[in-house]
Amino acid sequence: MLGGIHDVIVDLRPGSVTYMEWIAQELTADNKKMLYIPEAVAHSFLTLAGNTEVFYQMSEYYYT
């Protein structure tokens, strides 16, 4: 396998109809899938292969 990740997202938006629901998806170089993750949705992933690269596009800078 080329690069790949097991990606999980959880809806943390209290007013959402999918609040606290989650999905998991395998994203690989072979299947070419990607996820759109809205604001206030948690995101985590685990690499499935060595030399995996993950590309993010974000709408805002992270401020602490």
Protein backbone atom coordinates (compact mmCIF):
# COMPACT_ATOMS: atom_id res chain seq x y z
CA MET A 1 0.00 0.00 0.00
CA LEU A 2 1.11 3.52 -0.70
CA GLY A 3 0.25 6.15 1.94
CA GLY A 4 -2.98 5.79 3.86
CA ILE A 5 -4.77 6.81 7.05
CA HIS A 6 -7.71 5.61 9.14
CA ASP A 7 -9.60 8.87 9.70
CA VAL A 8 -12.30 9.43 12.35
CA ILE A 9 -14.52 12.50 12.84
CA VAL A 10 -17.00 13.21 15.67
CA ASP A 11 -19.70 15.90 15.55
CA LEU A 12 -19.29 18.11 18.64
CA ARG A 13 -21.85 20.77 17.62
CA PRO A 14 -24.56 20.73 20.36
CA GLY A 15 -27.38 21.95 18.08
CA SER A 16 -26.59 19.53 15.25
CA VAL A 17 -28.93 16.66 14.35
CA THR A 18 -25.82 14.47 14.20
CA TYR A 19 -24.42 15.61 17.57
CA MET A 20 -22.00 13.02 19.02
CA GLU A 21 -22.29 10.80 15.94
CA TRP A 22 -19.06 9.72 14.30
CA ILE A 23 -17.78 8.24 11.07
CA ALA A 24 -14.55 6.51 10.17
CA GLN A 25 -13.09 6.31 6.70
CA GLU A 26 -9.96 4.81 5.21
CA LEU A 27 -8.22 7.38 3.03
CA THR A 28 -5.50 6.00 0.79
CA ALA A 29 -3.46 6.97 -2.23
CA ASP A 30 -5.23 4.16 -4.08
CA ASN A 31 -8.87 5.10 -3.30
CA LYS A 32 -8.20 8.88 -3.59
CA LYS A 33 -10.99 9.67 -1.07
CA MET A 34 -10.98 12.81 1.06
CA LEU A 35 -13.12 14.29 3.84
CA TYR A 36 -14.60 17.73 4.41
CA ILE A 37 -14.58 18.41 8.15
CA PRO A 38 -16.70 21.39 9.28
CA GLU A 39 -15.92 23.63 12.25
CA ALA A 40 -16.55 22.13 15.71
CA VAL A 41 -16.14 18.58 14.43
CA ALA A 42 -13.32 16.62 16.10
CA HIS A 43 -10.79 14.90 13.89
CA SER A 44 -8.17 12.23 14.48
CA PHE A 45 -6.27 9.79 12.31
CA LEU A 46 -3.85 6.89 12.40
CA THR A 47 -1.37 6.25 9.61
CA LEU A 48 -1.68 2.84 7.95
CA ALA A 49 1.58 2.87 6.00
CA GLY A 50 5.07 4.29 6.31
CA ASN A 51 5.88 7.56 4.55
CA THR A 52 2.24 8.68 4.64
CA GLU A 53 1.71 12.39 3.95
CA VAL A 54 -1.46 14.21 5.07
CA PHE A 55 -2.50 17.47 3.40
CA TYR A 56 -4.78 19.89 5.26
CA GLN A 57 -6.60 22.97 4.07
CA MET A 58 -7.96 25.14 6.88
CA SER A 59 -10.28 28.14 6.85
CA GLU A 60 -8.60 29.92 9.80
CA TYR A 61 -5.29 30.07 11.58
CA TYR A 62 -5.12 28.35 14.96
CA TYR A 63 -4.79 30.81 17.84
CA THR A 64 -4.12 29.92 21.47
